[in-house]
Protein backbone atom coordinates (compact mmCIF):
# COMPACT_ATOMS: atom_id res chain seq x y z
CA MET A 1 0.12 13.45 11.78
CA PHE A 2 -2.21 10.69 10.82
CA ILE A 3 -3.90 10.48 7.42
CA GLU A 4 -7.16 8.49 7.47
CA ASP A 5 -9.53 8.09 4.64
CA ALA A 6 -13.05 6.78 5.44
CA SER A 7 -13.36 5.25 1.94
CA ASN A 8 -10.31 3.00 2.69
CA SER A 9 -11.33 -0.63 3.10
CA CYS A 10 -8.08 -1.60 4.81
CA THR A 11 -9.00 -0.41 8.29
CA ASN A 12 -6.23 -2.37 10.04
CA TYR A 13 -3.69 0.29 8.70
CA VAL A 14 -3.03 3.95 9.41
CA ALA A 15 -1.19 6.12 6.94
CA GLU A 16 1.13 8.40 8.96
CA GLU A 17 3.39 10.24 6.60
CA LEU A 18 3.51 10.96 2.78
CA ILE A 19 6.65 9.52 1.33
CA ALA A 20 6.21 10.02 -2.36
CA LYS A 21 3.57 11.15 -4.85
CA GLY A 22 3.58 10.46 -8.58
CA GLY A 23 1.32 10.22 -11.56
CA ALA A 24 0.18 6.61 -10.79
CA SER A 25 0.37 6.30 -7.01
CA VAL A 26 0.82 7.79 -3.61
CA VAL A 27 3.06 6.12 -1.06
CA TYR A 28 2.78 6.51 2.71
CA ARG A 29 4.63 5.30 5.74
CA GLY A 30 2.15 3.62 8.04
CA THR A 31 1.41 1.27 10.88
CA ASN A 32 -0.64 -1.88 11.22
CA LYS A 33 -3.09 -1.02 14.06
CA ASP A 34 -3.24 -4.57 15.34
CA THR A 35 0.41 -5.42 15.51
CA GLY A 36 2.23 -2.06 15.53
CA GLU A 37 4.27 -3.23 12.55
CA LYS A 38 5.64 -0.39 10.37
CA ILE A 39 4.45 -0.74 6.82
CA ILE A 40 4.41 1.07 3.50
CA ILE A 41 0.97 1.83 2.00
CA LYS A 42 0.82 2.38 -1.78
CA GLU A 43 -2.40 3.95 -3.02
CA LEU A 44 -2.82 3.40 -6.75
CA LYS A 45 -4.53 6.24 -8.64
CA THR A 46 -6.22 4.13 -11.28
CA SER A 47 -9.62 2.92 -12.10
CA ASN A 48 -8.05 0.57 -14.71
CA LEU A 49 -8.56 -2.88 -13.15
CA ASN A 50 -6.05 -4.42 -15.64
CA LYS A 51 -3.21 -2.14 -14.44
CA LEU A 52 -4.15 -2.83 -10.81
CA MET A 53 -4.23 -6.60 -11.24
CA ARG A 54 -0.93 -6.49 -13.09
CA GLU A 55 0.84 -4.83 -10.21
CA VAL A 56 -0.82 -7.21 -7.70
CA ASN A 57 0.20 -10.26 -9.74
CA ILE A 58 3.76 -9.00 -9.99
CA LEU A 59 3.95 -8.62 -6.13
CA MET A 60 2.47 -12.11 -5.68
CA LEU A 61 5.06 -13.69 -8.00
CA CYS A 62 7.92 -11.92 -6.14
CA LYS A 63 6.76 -12.69 -2.60
CA ASN A 64 9.74 -14.85 -1.73
CA ILE A 65 12.42 -12.57 -3.16
CA PRO A 66 14.45 -10.76 -0.58
CA ARG A 67 14.10 -6.96 -0.58
CA VAL A 68 10.84 -6.98 -2.46
CA ILE A 69 7.83 -5.62 -0.54
CA LYS A 70 5.20 -7.98 0.64
CA LEU A 71 1.56 -7.59 -0.44
CA LEU A 72 -0.49 -7.62 2.64
CA ASP A 73 -4.07 -6.60 1.46
């Protein structure tokens, strides 16, 4: 089953399976269309730019730590 959202600006990725759903986000298992690499897609359910940027900044600070997910887009 493929889950595609036309409003999604990250067109290089396909969400394939719902992994988890919570109050603040939805997480999918997916694939990079160009490379075939298996990825995790996290869709944040917020219009609060401060919360979104806080999460992005944390991931950027942790990019070289083993076992921490990498921010792609």
